Amino acid sequence: MAEIVNLRMARKARERAKAQQRAAENRAKFGRTKAQKQRDAAEAERTMREIEGARREVEGEE
């Protein structure tokens, strides 16, 4: 005999599996650790200090 399948439950299980797959892809694509975020922020701050330090002063500007 064939196995009886509840179509609603099968559909929900399939959607759940797709959502988990999508979440795993997003974690790999966008996920960063706290240390990585802090390193990037420190690097951006250092870059901004370099840019501000190299800026020329224009006459008439305060």
PDB file of N, CA and C in Angstrom:
ATOM      1  N   MET A   1       0.829  -1.183   0.000  1.00  0.00           N
ATOM      2  CA  MET A   1       0.000   0.000   0.000  1.00  0.00           C
ATOM      3  C   MET A   1       0.876   1.250   0.000  1.00  0.00           C
ATOM      4  N   ALA A   2       0.329   2.321  -0.508  1.00  0.00           N
ATOM      5  CA  ALA A   2       1.039   3.593  -0.558  1.00  0.00           C
ATOM      6  C   ALA A   2       0.992   4.267   0.809  1.00  0.00           C
ATOM      7  N   GLU A   3       1.979   5.072   1.065  1.00  0.00           N
ATOM      8  CA  GLU A   3       2.037   5.801   2.331  1.00  0.00           C
ATOM      9  C   GLU A   3       1.120   7.013   2.246  1.00  0.00           C
ATOM     10  N   ILE A   4       0.350   7.233   3.261  1.00  0.00           N
ATOM     11  CA  ILE A   4      -0.564   8.375   3.298  1.00  0.00           C
ATOM     12  C   ILE A   4       0.232   9.604   3.719  1.00  0.00           C
ATOM     13  N   VAL A   5       0.087  10.680   2.939  1.00  0.00           N
ATOM     14  CA  VAL A   5       0.842  11.903   3.193  1.00  0.00           C
ATOM     15  C   VAL A   5      -0.137  13.050   3.398  1.00  0.00           C
ATOM     16  N   ASN A   6       0.040  13.772   4.484  1.00  0.00           N
ATOM     17  CA  ASN A   6      -0.758  14.967   4.720  1.00  0.00           C
ATOM     18  C   ASN A   6      -0.118  16.082   3.898  1.00  0.00           C
ATOM     19  N   LEU A   7      -0.789  16.543   2.862  1.00  0.00           N
ATOM     20  CA  LEU A   7      -0.210  17.518   1.935  1.00  0.00           C
ATOM     21  C   LEU A   7       0.106  18.843   2.615  1.00  0.00           C
ATOM     22  N   ARG A   8      -0.724  19.250   3.546  1.00  0.00           N
ATOM     23  CA  ARG A   8      -0.481  20.508   4.260  1.00  0.00           C
ATOM     24  C   ARG A   8       0.817  20.426   5.055  1.00  0.00           C
ATOM     25  N   MET A   9       1.014  19.316   5.739  1.00  0.00           N
ATOM     26  CA  MET A   9       2.233  19.160   6.535  1.00  0.00           C
ATOM     27  C   MET A   9       3.458  19.031   5.637  1.00  0.00           C
ATOM     28  N   ALA A  10       3.308  18.356   4.509  1.00  0.00           N
ATOM     29  CA  ALA A  10       4.430  18.216   3.575  1.00  0.00           C
ATOM     30  C   ALA A  10       4.811  19.575   3.003  1.00  0.00           C
ATOM     31  N   ARG A  11       3.807  20.380   2.661  1.00  0.00           N
ATOM     32  CA  ARG A  11       4.071  21.717   2.120  1.00  0.00           C
ATOM     33  C   ARG A  11       4.793  22.577   3.154  1.00  0.00           C
ATOM     34  N   LYS A  12       4.308  22.557   4.386  1.00  0.00           N
ATOM     35  CA  LYS A  12       4.936  23.352   5.441  1.00  0.00           C
ATOM     36  C   LYS A  12       6.366  22.888   5.716  1.00  0.00           C
ATOM     37  N   ALA A  13       6.590  21.596   5.686  1.00  0.00           N
ATOM     38  CA  ALA A  13       7.941  21.066   5.909  1.00  0.00           C
ATOM     39  C   ALA A  13       8.875  21.509   4.784  1.00  0.00           C
ATOM     40  N   ARG A  14       8.380  21.486   3.554  1.00  0.00           N
ATOM     41  CA  ARG A  14       9.190  21.920   2.414  1.00  0.00           C
ATOM     42  C   ARG A  14       9.530  23.405   2.537  1.00  0.00           C
ATOM     43  N   GLU A  15       8.544  24.233   2.915  1.00  0.00           N
ATOM     44  CA  GLU A  15       8.791  25.669   3.083  1.00  0.00           C
ATOM     45  C   GLU A  15       9.772  25.933   4.219  1.00  0.00           C
ATOM     46  N   ARG A  16       9.661  25.152   5.294  1.00  0.00           N
ATOM     47  CA  ARG A  16      10.578  25.298   6.421  1.00  0.00           C
ATOM     48  C   ARG A  16      12.004  24.975   5.995  1.00  0.00           C
ATOM     49  N   ALA A  17      12.161  23.933   5.211  1.00  0.00           N
ATOM     50  CA  ALA A  17      13.484  23.548   4.732  1.00  0.00           C
ATOM     51  C   ALA A  17      14.070  24.630   3.821  1.00  0.00           C
ATOM     52  N   LYS A  18      13.237  25.225   2.964  1.00  0.00           N
ATOM     53  CA  LYS A  18      13.697  26.315   2.098  1.00  0.00           C
ATOM     54  C   LYS A  18      14.141  27.518   2.932  1.00  0.00           C
ATOM     55  N   ALA A  19      13.357  27.836   3.965  1.00  0.00           N
ATOM     56  CA  ALA A  19      13.682  28.974   4.826  1.00  0.00           C
ATOM     57  C   ALA A  19      15.005  28.733   5.556  1.00  0.00           C
ATOM     58  N   GLN A  20      15.224  27.518   6.010  1.00  0.00           N
ATOM     59  CA  GLN A  20      16.480  27.202   6.697  1.00  0.00           C
ATOM     60  C   GLN A  20      17.659  27.301   5.733  1.00  0.00           C
ATOM     61  N   GLN A  21      17.471  26.861   4.511  1.00  0.00           N
ATOM     62  CA  GLN A  21      18.531  26.950   3.503  1.00  0.00           C
ATOM     63  C   GLN A  21      18.854  28.410   3.203  1.00  0.00           C
ATOM     64  N   ARG A  22      17.813  29.219   3.037  1.00  0.00           N
ATOM     65  CA  ARG A  22      17.998  30.647   2.760  1.00  0.00           C
ATOM     66  C   ARG A  22      18.712  31.330   3.928  1.00  0.00           C
ATOM     67  N   ALA A  23      18.341  30.963   5.152  1.00  0.00           N
ATOM     68  CA  ALA A  23      18.980  31.536   6.335  1.00  0.00           C
ATOM     69  C   ALA A  23      20.455  31.173   6.392  1.00  0.00           C
ATOM     70  N   ALA A  24      20.777  29.942   6.052  1.00  0.00           N
ATOM     71  CA  ALA A  24      22.183  29.511   6.054  1.00  0.00           C
ATOM     72  C   ALA A  24      22.980  30.282   5.002  1.00  0.00           C
ATOM     73  N   GLU A  25      22.389  30.498   3.836  1.00  0.00           N
ATOM     74  CA  GLU A  25      23.067  31.271   2.797  1.00  0.00           C
ATOM     75  C   GLU A  25      23.289  32.708   3.251  1.00  0.00           C
ATOM     76  N   ASN A  26      22.286  33.304   3.893  1.00  0.00           N
ATOM     77  CA  ASN A  26      22.419  34.682   4.375  1.00  0.00           C
ATOM     78  C   ASN A  26      23.458  34.790   5.483  1.00  0.00           C
ATOM     79  N   ARG A  27      23.524  33.787   6.351  1.00  0.00           N
ATOM     80  CA  ARG A  27      24.546  33.821   7.402  1.00  0.00           C
ATOM     81  C   ARG A  27      25.933  33.801   6.792  1.00  0.00           C
ATOM     82  N   ALA A  28      26.110  32.995   5.774  1.00  0.00           N
ATOM     83  CA  ALA A  28      27.421  32.920   5.125  1.00  0.00           C
ATOM     84  C   ALA A  28      27.728  34.203   4.362  1.00  0.00           C
ATOM     85  N   LYS A  29      26.710  34.811   3.805  1.00  0.00           N
ATOM     86  CA  LYS A  29      26.904  35.984   2.959  1.00  0.00           C
ATOM     87  C   LYS A  29      27.080  37.262   3.783  1.00  0.00           C
ATOM     88  N   PHE A  30      26.238  37.449   4.805  1.00  0.00           N
ATOM     89  CA  PHE A  30      26.209  38.715   5.536  1.00  0.00           C
ATOM     90  C   PHE A  30      26.723  38.622   6.965  1.00  0.00           C
ATOM     91  N   GLY A  31      26.830  37.451   7.506  1.00  0.00           N
ATOM     92  CA  GLY A  31      27.192  37.300   8.912  1.00  0.00           C
ATOM     93  C   GLY A  31      28.645  37.668   9.165  1.00  0.00           C
ATOM     94  N   ARG A  32      28.857  38.485  10.175  1.00  0.00           N
ATOM     95  CA  ARG A  32      30.216  38.851  10.579  1.00  0.00           C
ATOM     96  C   ARG A  32      30.280  38.791  12.095  1.00  0.00           C
ATOM     97  N   THR A  33      31.445  38.486  12.610  1.00  0.00           N
ATOM     98  CA  THR A  33      31.601  38.426  14.057  1.00  0.00           C
ATOM     99  C   THR A  33      31.758  39.836  14.614  1.00  0.00           C
ATOM    100  N   LYS A  34      31.624  39.942  15.911  1.00  0.00           N
ATOM    101  CA  LYS A  34      31.764  41.238  16.578  1.00  0.00           C
ATOM    102  C   LYS A  34      33.167  41.795  16.365  1.00  0.00           C
ATOM    103  N   ALA A  35      34.171  40.934  16.418  1.00  0.00           N
ATOM    104  CA  ALA A  35      35.560  41.365  16.216  1.00  0.00           C
ATOM    105  C   ALA A  35      35.749  41.929  14.806  1.00  0.00           C
ATOM    106  N   GLN A  36      35.134  41.296  13.816  1.00  0.00           N
ATOM    107  CA  GLN A  36      35.247  41.786  12.445  1.00  0.00           C
ATOM    108  C   GLN A  36      34.597  43.166  12.314  1.00  0.00           C
ATOM    109  N   LYS A  37      33.430  43.346  12.940  1.00  0.00           N
ATOM    110  CA  LYS A  37      32.748  44.642  12.889  1.00  0.00           C
ATOM    111  C   LYS A  37      33.595  45.722  13.557  1.00  0.00           C
ATOM    112  N   GLN A  38      34.192  45.398  14.712  1.00  0.00           N
ATOM    113  CA  GLN A  38      35.025  46.363  15.423  1.00  0.00           C
ATOM    114  C   GLN A  38      36.268  46.708  14.610  1.00  0.00           C
ATOM    115  N   ARG A  39      36.881  45.710  13.967  1.00  0.00           N
ATOM    116  CA  ARG A  39      38.062  45.953  13.145  1.00  0.00           C
ATOM    117  C   ARG A  39      37.716  46.874  11.976  1.00  0.00           C
ATOM    118  N   ASP A  40      36.588  46.641  11.338  1.00  0.00           N
ATOM    119  CA  ASP A  40      36.164  47.475  10.212  1.00  0.00           C
ATOM    120  C   ASP A  40      35.868  48.901  10.669  1.00  0.00           C
ATOM    121  N   ALA A  41      35.242  49.047  11.836  1.00  0.00           N
ATOM    122  CA  ALA A  41      34.942  50.378  12.364  1.00  0.00           C
ATOM    123  C   ALA A  41      36.235  51.117  12.693  1.00  0.00           C
ATOM    124  N   ALA A  42      37.210  50.439  13.283  1.00  0.00           N
ATOM    125  CA  ALA A  42      38.490  51.063  13.617  1.00  0.00           C
ATOM    126  C   ALA A  42      39.231  51.477  12.347  1.00  0.00           C
ATOM    127  N   GLU A  43      39.164  50.648  11.332  1.00  0.00           N
ATOM    128  CA  GLU A  43      39.822  50.969  10.066  1.00  0.00           C
ATOM    129  C   GLU A  43      39.161  52.176   9.401  1.00  0.00           C
ATOM    130  N   ALA A  44      37.843  52.250   9.464  1.00  0.00           N
ATOM    131  CA  ALA A  44      37.125  53.399   8.890  1.00  0.00           C
ATOM    132  C   ALA A  44      37.481  54.676   9.644  1.00  0.00           C
ATOM    133  N   GLU A  45      37.579  54.583  10.962  1.00  0.00           N
ATOM    134  CA  GLU A  45      37.949  55.745  11.788  1.00  0.00           C
ATOM    135  C   GLU A  45      39.367  56.208  11.442  1.00  0.00           C
ATOM    136  N   ARG A  46      40.285  55.267  11.298  1.00  0.00           N
ATOM    137  CA  ARG A  46      41.665  55.613  10.954  1.00  0.00           C
ATOM    138  C   ARG A  46      41.724  56.282   9.584  1.00  0.00           C
ATOM    139  N   THR A  47      40.962  55.773   8.639  1.00  0.00           N
ATOM    140  CA  THR A  47      40.925  56.352   7.297  1.00  0.00           C
ATOM    141  C   THR A  47      40.390  57.778   7.344  1.00  0.00           C
ATOM    142  N   MET A  48      39.334  58.006   8.121  1.00  0.00           N
ATOM    143  CA  MET A  48      38.768  59.356   8.240  1.00  0.00           C
ATOM    144  C   MET A  48      39.774  60.315   8.879  1.00  0.00           C
ATOM    145  N   ARG A  49      40.537  59.847   9.874  1.00  0.00           N
ATOM    146  CA  ARG A  49      41.553  60.708  10.488  1.00  0.00           C
ATOM    147  C   ARG A  49      42.624  61.077   9.473  1.00  0.00           C
ATOM    148  N   GLU A  50      43.028  60.121   8.643  1.00  0.00           N
ATOM    149  CA  GLU A  50      44.026  60.402   7.607  1.00  0.00           C
ATOM    150  C   GLU A  50      43.502  61.423   6.607  1.00  0.00           C
ATOM    151  N   ILE A  51      42.275  61.283   6.201  1.00  0.00           N
ATOM    152  CA  ILE A  51      41.680  62.210   5.236  1.00  0.00           C
ATOM    153  C   ILE A  51      41.595  63.607   5.836  1.00  0.00           C
ATOM    154  N   GLU A  52      41.131  63.703   7.077  1.00  0.00           N
ATOM    155  CA  GLU A  52      41.020  65.010   7.735  1.00  0.00           C
ATOM    156  C   GLU A  52      42.400  65.628   7.947  1.00  0.00           C
ATOM    157  N   GLY A  53      43.393  64.812   8.233  1.00  0.00           N
ATOM    158  CA  GLY A  53      44.746  65.322   8.448  1.00  0.00           C
ATOM    159  C   GLY A  53      45.385  65.823   7.164  1.00  0.00           C
ATOM    160  N   ALA A  54      44.983  65.293   6.033  1.00  0.00           N
ATOM    161  CA  ALA A  54      45.570  65.680   4.756  1.00  0.00           C
ATOM    162  C   ALA A  54      44.806  66.825   4.092  1.00  0.00           C
ATOM    163  N   ARG A  55      43.714  67.239   4.694  1.00  0.00           N
ATOM    164  CA  ARG A  55      42.879  68.273   4.099  1.00  0.00           C
ATOM    165  C   ARG A  55      43.596  69.626   4.159  1.00  0.00           C
ATOM    166  N   ARG A  56      43.534  70.358   3.078  1.00  0.00           N
ATOM    167  CA  ARG A  56      44.126  71.691   3.057  1.00  0.00           C
ATOM    168  C   ARG A  56      43.125  72.703   3.586  1.00  0.00           C
ATOM    169  N   GLU A  57      43.666  73.732   4.211  1.00  0.00           N
ATOM    170  CA  GLU A  57      42.786  74.792   4.688  1.00  0.00           C
ATOM    171  C   GLU A  57      42.624  75.824   3.589  1.00  0.00           C
ATOM    172  N   VAL A  58      41.421  76.266   3.374  1.00  0.00           N
ATOM    173  CA  VAL A  58      41.111  77.247   2.344  1.00  0.00           C
ATOM    174  C   VAL A  58      40.892  78.584   3.018  1.00  0.00           C
ATOM    175  N   GLU A  59      41.433  79.669   2.427  1.00  0.00           N
ATOM    176  CA  GLU A  59      41.253  81.004   2.999  1.00  0.00           C
ATOM    177  C   GLU A  59      39.774  81.349   3.016  1.00  0.00           C
ATOM    178  N   GLY A  60      39.349  81.970   4.084  1.00  0.00           N
ATOM    179  CA  GLY A  60      37.962  82.346   4.238  1.00  0.00           C
ATOM    180  C   GLY A  60      37.123  81.258   4.888  1.00  0.00           C
ATOM    181  N   GLU A  61      37.658  80.102   5.038  1.00  0.00           N
ATOM    182  CA  GLU A  61      36.930  79.023   5.696  1.00  0.00           C
ATOM    183  C   GLU A  61      37.311  79.007   7.159  1.00  0.00           C
ATOM    184  N   GLU A  62      36.347  78.807   7.997  1.00  0.00           N
ATOM    185  CA  GLU A  62      36.612  78.839   9.439  1.00  0.00           C
ATOM    186  C   GLU A  62      36.937  77.486   9.970  1.00  0.00           C
TER     187      GLU A  62
END
